[in-house]
PDB file of N, CA and C in Angstrom:
ATOM      1  N   MET A   1       9.695  -8.106   3.411  1.00  0.00           N
ATOM      2  CA  MET A   1       9.230  -7.195   2.779  1.00  0.00           C
ATOM      3  C   MET A   1       9.298  -6.167   3.635  1.00  0.00           C
ATOM      4  N   LYS A   2       9.601  -4.728   3.314  1.00  0.00           N
ATOM      5  CA  LYS A   2       9.945  -3.503   4.273  1.00  0.00           C
ATOM      6  C   LYS A   2       8.944  -2.586   3.838  1.00  0.00           C
ATOM      7  N   LEU A   3       8.403  -2.153   5.072  1.00  0.00           N
ATOM      8  CA  LEU A   3       7.478  -0.901   4.630  1.00  0.00           C
ATOM      9  C   LEU A   3       8.164   0.392   5.515  1.00  0.00           C
ATOM     10  N   VAL A   4       7.810   1.686   4.575  1.00  0.00           N
ATOM     11  CA  VAL A   4       8.377   2.675   5.096  1.00  0.00           C
ATOM     12  C   VAL A   4       7.059   3.900   4.601  1.00  0.00           C
ATOM     13  N   GLY A   5       7.317   5.164   5.345  1.00  0.00           N
ATOM     14  CA  GLY A   5       6.507   6.033   4.799  1.00  0.00           C
ATOM     15  C   GLY A   5       5.379   6.185   5.839  1.00  0.00           C
ATOM     16  N   ASP A   6       4.393   6.900   5.765  1.00  0.00           N
ATOM     17  CA  ASP A   6       3.371   7.437   6.449  1.00  0.00           C
ATOM     18  C   ASP A   6       3.065   6.313   7.497  1.00  0.00           C
ATOM     19  N   ASN A   7       3.052   6.290   8.714  1.00  0.00           N
ATOM     20  CA  ASN A   7       2.151   5.423   9.792  1.00  0.00           C
ATOM     21  C   ASN A   7       0.934   5.103   9.590  1.00  0.00           C
ATOM     22  N   GLU A   8      -0.271   6.136   9.594  1.00  0.00           N
ATOM     23  CA  GLU A   8      -1.197   5.695   9.485  1.00  0.00           C
ATOM     24  C   GLU A   8      -1.408   4.756   7.946  1.00  0.00           C
ATOM     25  N   GLY A   9      -1.065   4.833   6.794  1.00  0.00           N
ATOM     26  CA  GLY A   9      -0.814   3.870   6.009  1.00  0.00           C
ATOM     27  C   GLY A   9      -0.566   2.854   5.967  1.00  0.00           C
ATOM     28  N   ILE A  10       0.608   2.292   6.899  1.00  0.00           N
ATOM     29  CA  ILE A  10       0.842   1.226   7.029  1.00  0.00           C
ATOM     30  C   ILE A  10      -0.120   0.579   8.195  1.00  0.00           C
ATOM     31  N   GLU A  11      -0.592   1.208   9.113  1.00  0.00           N
ATOM     32  CA  GLU A  11      -1.493   0.548   9.849  1.00  0.00           C
ATOM     33  C   GLU A  11      -2.683   0.334   9.091  1.00  0.00           C
ATOM     34  N   GLU A  12      -3.227   0.993   8.368  1.00  0.00           N
ATOM     35  CA  GLU A  12      -4.512   0.263   7.237  1.00  0.00           C
ATOM     36  C   GLU A  12      -4.026  -0.917   6.694  1.00  0.00           C
ATOM     37  N   LEU A  13      -2.658  -0.606   6.135  1.00  0.00           N
ATOM     38  CA  LEU A  13      -2.388  -2.195   5.433  1.00  0.00           C
ATOM     39  C   LEU A  13      -2.298  -3.210   6.499  1.00  0.00           C
ATOM     40  N   LYS A  14      -1.832  -3.113   7.649  1.00  0.00           N
ATOM     41  CA  LYS A  14      -2.072  -4.028   8.756  1.00  0.00           C
ATOM     42  C   LYS A  14      -3.445  -4.347   8.782  1.00  0.00           C
ATOM     43  N   ASN A  15      -4.334  -3.774   8.863  1.00  0.00           N
ATOM     44  CA  ASN A  15      -5.491  -4.032   9.123  1.00  0.00           C
ATOM     45  C   ASN A  15      -6.400  -4.778   7.987  1.00  0.00           C
ATOM     46  N   ILE A  16      -5.698  -4.388   6.909  1.00  0.00           N
ATOM     47  CA  ILE A  16      -6.064  -5.143   5.553  1.00  0.00           C
ATOM     48  C   ILE A  16      -5.738  -6.671   5.395  1.00  0.00           C
ATOM     49  N   LYS A  17      -4.556  -6.646   5.908  1.00  0.00           N
ATOM     50  CA  LYS A  17      -4.031  -8.023   6.353  1.00  0.00           C
ATOM     51  C   LYS A  17      -4.628  -9.009   7.249  1.00  0.00           C
ATOM     52  N   GLU A  18      -5.055  -8.203   8.283  1.00  0.00           N
ATOM     53  CA  GLU A  18      -5.997  -8.837   9.506  1.00  0.00           C
ATOM     54  C   GLU A  18      -7.420  -9.407   8.760  1.00  0.00           C
ATOM     55  N   ASN A  19      -8.045  -8.363   7.771  1.00  0.00           N
ATOM     56  CA  ASN A  19      -9.491  -8.592   7.385  1.00  0.00           C
ATOM     57  C   ASN A  19      -9.744  -9.288   5.720  1.00  0.00           C
ATOM     58  N   ASN A  20      -8.473  -8.905   5.116  1.00  0.00           N
ATOM     59  CA  ASN A  20      -8.653  -8.976   3.535  1.00  0.00           C
ATOM     60  C   ASN A  20      -7.520  -9.538   3.247  1.00  0.00           C
ATOM     61  N   LEU A  21      -6.691 -10.912   3.577  1.00  0.00           N
ATOM     62  CA  LEU A  21      -5.438 -11.040   3.061  1.00  0.00           C
ATOM     63  C   LEU A  21      -5.191 -11.255   1.619  1.00  0.00           C
ATOM     64  N   PHE A  22      -6.113 -11.503   1.001  1.00  0.00           N
ATOM     65  CA  PHE A  22      -6.398 -12.038  -0.458  1.00  0.00           C
ATOM     66  C   PHE A  22      -6.144 -10.321  -1.471  1.00  0.00           C
ATOM     67  N   TYR A  23      -6.800  -9.491  -0.609  1.00  0.00           N
ATOM     68  CA  TYR A  23      -6.689  -7.954  -1.279  1.00  0.00           C
ATOM     69  C   TYR A  23      -5.405  -7.464  -0.926  1.00  0.00           C
ATOM     70  N   LEU A  24      -4.757  -7.898   0.197  1.00  0.00           N
ATOM     71  CA  LEU A  24      -3.260  -7.380   0.513  1.00  0.00           C
ATOM     72  C   LEU A  24      -2.350  -7.941  -0.341  1.00  0.00           C
ATOM     73  N   LYS A  25      -2.366  -9.131  -0.816  1.00  0.00           N
ATOM     74  CA  LYS A  25      -1.344  -9.799  -1.946  1.00  0.00           C
ATOM     75  C   LYS A  25      -1.779  -9.042  -3.188  1.00  0.00           C
ATOM     76  N   TYR A  26      -3.153  -8.770  -3.625  1.00  0.00           N
ATOM     77  CA  TYR A  26      -3.274  -8.219  -4.717  1.00  0.00           C
ATOM     78  C   TYR A  26      -2.633  -6.608  -4.848  1.00  0.00           C
ATOM     79  N   LEU A  27      -2.466  -5.993  -3.820  1.00  0.00           N
ATOM     80  CA  LEU A  27      -2.101  -4.399  -3.703  1.00  0.00           C
ATOM     81  C   LEU A  27      -0.396  -4.734  -4.001  1.00  0.00           C
ATOM     82  N   ILE A  28       0.094  -5.660  -3.047  1.00  0.00           N
ATOM     83  CA  ILE A  28       1.267  -6.004  -3.518  1.00  0.00           C
ATOM     84  C   ILE A  28       1.884  -6.211  -4.711  1.00  0.00           C
ATOM     85  N   LYS A  29       1.065  -7.171  -5.414  1.00  0.00           N
ATOM     86  CA  LYS A  29       1.410  -7.742  -6.524  1.00  0.00           C
ATOM     87  C   LYS A  29       1.455  -6.403  -7.581  1.00  0.00           C
ATOM     88  N   GLU A  30      -0.053  -5.865  -7.660  1.00  0.00           N
ATOM     89  CA  GLU A  30      -0.269  -4.373  -8.397  1.00  0.00           C
ATOM     90  C   GLU A  30       1.165  -3.857  -8.360  1.00  0.00           C
ATOM     91  N   ALA A  31       1.697  -3.387  -7.287  1.00  0.00           N
ATOM     92  CA  ALA A  31       2.604  -2.654  -7.149  1.00  0.00           C
ATOM     93  C   ALA A  31       4.010  -2.883  -7.638  1.00  0.00           C
ATOM     94  N   GLU A  32       4.341  -4.460  -7.472  1.00  0.00           N
ATOM     95  CA  GLU A  32       5.459  -4.798  -8.151  1.00  0.00           C
ATOM     96  C   GLU A  32       5.624  -4.936  -9.841  1.00  0.00           C
ATOM     97  N   THR A  33       4.184  -5.105 -10.287  1.00  0.00           N
ATOM     98  CA  THR A  33       4.290  -5.188 -11.816  1.00  0.00           C
ATOM     99  C   THR A  33       3.768  -4.251 -12.575  1.00  0.00           C
ATOM    100  N   SER A  34       3.299  -3.296 -12.140  1.00  0.00           N
ATOM    101  CA  SER A  34       2.473  -2.206 -12.840  1.00  0.00           C
ATOM    102  C   SER A  34       3.614  -1.294 -13.028  1.00  0.00           C
ATOM    103  N   LEU A  35       3.424  -0.540 -14.458  1.00  0.00           N
ATOM    104  CA  LEU A  35       4.333   0.314 -15.033  1.00  0.00           C
ATOM    105  C   LEU A  35       5.100   1.564 -14.253  1.00  0.00           C
ATOM    106  N   ASN A  36       4.253   1.867 -13.238  1.00  0.00           N
ATOM    107  CA  ASN A  36       4.867   2.870 -12.503  1.00  0.00           C
ATOM    108  C   ASN A  36       5.029   2.596 -11.424  1.00  0.00           C
ATOM    109  N   ARG A  37       5.130   1.466 -10.774  1.00  0.00           N
ATOM    110  CA  ARG A  37       5.125   0.438  -9.655  1.00  0.00           C
ATOM    111  C   ARG A  37       4.387   1.133  -8.378  1.00  0.00           C
ATOM    112  N   THR A  38       3.289   1.506  -8.680  1.00  0.00           N
ATOM    113  CA  THR A  38       2.391   1.889  -7.427  1.00  0.00           C
ATOM    114  C   THR A  38       0.799   1.367  -7.294  1.00  0.00           C
ATOM    115  N   ALA A  39       0.280   1.285  -6.646  1.00  0.00           N
ATOM    116  CA  ALA A  39      -1.010   0.922  -6.431  1.00  0.00           C
ATOM    117  C   ALA A  39      -1.709   1.952  -5.351  1.00  0.00           C
ATOM    118  N   GLU A  40      -2.920   1.858  -5.428  1.00  0.00           N
ATOM    119  CA  GLU A  40      -3.752   2.909  -4.612  1.00  0.00           C
ATOM    120  C   GLU A  40      -4.978   2.176  -3.754  1.00  0.00           C
ATOM    121  N   PHE A  41      -4.926   2.602  -2.728  1.00  0.00           N
ATOM    122  CA  PHE A  41      -6.078   1.829  -1.845  1.00  0.00           C
ATOM    123  C   PHE A  41      -6.623   3.077  -1.037  1.00  0.00           C
ATOM    124  N   LYS A  42      -7.806   2.459  -0.191  1.00  0.00           N
ATOM    125  CA  LYS A  42      -8.495   3.359   0.808  1.00  0.00           C
ATOM    126  C   LYS A  42      -8.313   2.957   2.074  1.00  0.00           C
ATOM    127  N   GLY A  43      -8.328   3.653   2.955  1.00  0.00           N
ATOM    128  CA  GLY A  43      -8.452   3.187   4.364  1.00  0.00           C
ATOM    129  C   GLY A  43      -9.826   2.749   4.769  1.00  0.00           C
ATOM    130  N   LYS A  44      -9.997   2.148   5.995  1.00  0.00           N
ATOM    131  CA  LYS A  44     -11.130   1.474   6.473  1.00  0.00           C
ATOM    132  C   LYS A  44     -12.300   2.398   6.522  1.00  0.00           C
ATOM    133  N   ASP A  45     -12.089   3.814   6.718  1.00  0.00           N
ATOM    134  CA  ASP A  45     -13.323   5.000   6.537  1.00  0.00           C
ATOM    135  C   ASP A  45     -13.847   5.025   5.089  1.00  0.00           C
ATOM    136  N   GLY A  46     -13.124   4.321   4.051  1.00  0.00           N
ATOM    137  CA  GLY A  46     -13.330   4.717   2.579  1.00  0.00           C
ATOM    138  C   GLY A  46     -13.482   5.999   1.835  1.00  0.00           C
ATOM    139  N   LYS A  47     -12.865   6.993   2.743  1.00  0.00           N
ATOM    140  CA  LYS A  47     -12.532   7.923   2.032  1.00  0.00           C
ATOM    141  C   LYS A  47     -10.938   8.346   1.824  1.00  0.00           C
ATOM    142  N   GLN A  48     -10.306   8.127   2.849  1.00  0.00           N
ATOM    143  CA  GLN A  48      -8.687   8.575   2.809  1.00  0.00           C
ATOM    144  C   GLN A  48      -8.183   7.597   1.721  1.00  0.00           C
ATOM    145  N   LYS A  49      -7.274   7.946   0.673  1.00  0.00           N
ATOM    146  CA  LYS A  49      -6.645   7.372   0.040  1.00  0.00           C
ATOM    147  C   LYS A  49      -5.196   7.250   0.317  1.00  0.00           C
ATOM    148  N   TYR A  50      -4.334   6.614  -0.026  1.00  0.00           N
ATOM    149  CA  TYR A  50      -2.959   6.181   0.096  1.00  0.00           C
ATOM    150  C   TYR A  50      -2.567   5.685  -1.383  1.00  0.00           C
ATOM    151  N   LYS A  51      -1.278   5.516  -1.435  1.00  0.00           N
ATOM    152  CA  LYS A  51      -0.580   5.074  -2.399  1.00  0.00           C
ATOM    153  C   LYS A  51       0.509   4.240  -1.716  1.00  0.00           C
ATOM    154  N   ILE A  52       0.791   3.148  -2.348  1.00  0.00           N
ATOM    155  CA  ILE A  52       1.845   2.371  -1.980  1.00  0.00           C
ATOM    156  C   ILE A  52       2.710   2.148  -3.211  1.00  0.00           C
ATOM    157  N   SER A  53       3.930   2.467  -3.174  1.00  0.00           N
ATOM    158  CA  SER A  53       4.870   2.559  -4.237  1.00  0.00           C
ATOM    159  C   SER A  53       6.327   1.249  -4.055  1.00  0.00           C
ATOM    160  N   TYR A  54       6.560   0.920  -4.901  1.00  0.00           N
ATOM    161  CA  TYR A  54       7.530  -0.367  -4.849  1.00  0.00           C
ATOM    162  C   TYR A  54       8.888   0.041  -5.454  1.00  0.00           C
ATOM    163  N   ASN A  55      10.149   0.098  -4.718  1.00  0.00           N
ATOM    164  CA  ASN A  55      11.205   0.238  -5.375  1.00  0.00           C
ATOM    165  C   ASN A  55      11.941  -1.087  -5.195  1.00  0.00           C
ATOM    166  N   PRO A  56      12.159  -1.638  -6.604  1.00  0.00           N
ATOM    167  CA  PRO A  56      12.767  -2.944  -6.959  1.00  0.00           C
ATOM    168  C   PRO A  56      14.241  -2.633  -6.573  1.00  0.00           C
ATOM    169  N   MET A  57      15.002  -1.591  -6.451  1.00  0.00           N
ATOM    170  CA  MET A  57      16.403  -1.753  -6.081  1.00  0.00           C
ATOM    171  C   MET A  57      16.605  -1.912  -4.497  1.00  0.00           C
ATOM    172  N   THR A  58      15.618  -1.302  -3.686  1.00  0.00           N
ATOM    173  CA  THR A  58      15.901  -1.677  -2.378  1.00  0.00           C
ATOM    174  C   THR A  58      14.796  -2.756  -1.882  1.00  0.00           C
ATOM    175  N   ARG A  59      13.893  -3.192  -2.768  1.00  0.00           N
ATOM    176  CA  ARG A  59      12.866  -3.783  -2.332  1.00  0.00           C
ATOM    177  C   ARG A  59      12.153  -3.379  -1.268  1.00  0.00           C
ATOM    178  N   GLU A  60      11.921  -2.291  -1.389  1.00  0.00           N
ATOM    179  CA  GLU A  60      10.959  -1.295  -0.163  1.00  0.00           C
ATOM    180  C   GLU A  60       9.644  -1.017  -0.768  1.00  0.00           C
ATOM    181  N   PHE A  61       8.757  -1.239   0.044  1.00  0.00           N
ATOM    182  CA  PHE A  61       7.259  -0.447  -0.300  1.00  0.00           C
ATOM    183  C   PHE A  61       7.209   1.000   0.713  1.00  0.00           C
ATOM    184  N   ALA A  62       6.992   1.896  -0.023  1.00  0.00           N
ATOM    185  CA  ALA A  62       6.583   3.324   0.471  1.00  0.00           C
ATOM    186  C   ALA A  62       5.447   3.593   0.347  1.00  0.00           C
ATOM    187  N   VAL A  63       4.770   3.769   1.455  1.00  0.00           N
ATOM    188  CA  VAL A  63       3.080   4.146   1.754  1.00  0.00           C
ATOM    189  C   VAL A  63       3.199   5.739   1.841  1.00  0.00           C
ATOM    190  N   GLU A  64       2.212   6.489   1.213  1.00  0.00           N
ATOM    191  CA  GLU A  64       1.894   7.803   1.692  1.00  0.00           C
ATOM    192  C   GLU A  64       0.606   8.027   1.387  1.00  0.00           C
ATOM    193  N   LYS A  65       0.088   9.159   1.948  1.00  0.00           N
ATOM    194  CA  LYS A  65      -1.290   9.633   1.956  1.00  0.00           C
ATOM    195  C   LYS A  65      -1.122  10.383   1.166  1.00  0.00           C
ATOM    196  N   LEU A  66      -2.462  10.251   0.249  1.00  0.00           N
ATOM    197  CA  LEU A  66      -2.919  11.108  -0.912  1.00  0.00           C
ATOM    198  C   LEU A  66      -3.857  12.174  -0.549  1.00  0.00           C
ATOM    199  N   THR A  67      -3.998  13.508  -0.824  1.00  0.00           N
ATOM    200  CA  THR A  67      -4.758  14.588  -0.606  1.00  0.00           C
ATOM    201  C   THR A  67      -5.913  14.141  -1.338  1.00  0.00           C
ATOM    202  N   SER A  68      -6.990  14.487  -0.874  1.00  0.00           N
ATOM    203  CA  SER A  68      -8.369  14.510  -1.682  1.00  0.00           C
ATOM    204  C   SER A  68      -8.756  15.345  -2.709  1.00  0.00           C
TER     205      SER A  68
END
C-alpha cells in the first residue's frame, strides 16, 4: 500500500494505525469499495477533515486535507 499526498493527513493515518487498527482497516476497505473510491476521516483534534482516495490503476491511496 502506497500513501501519497498531504503529510499531516498521512501522519493522522499513522496515528489511527497505532490507536485503532480496526478503524484504519475500515477506512481502507471503504476507499477501495465505495463508488467514488473515497473515504473521509477526522484528525485527532476532531475538527480537521481529510479524504483518502484510492486509485485502482496504481494501487495508491491519496490523502488530502478538506477545508471546513
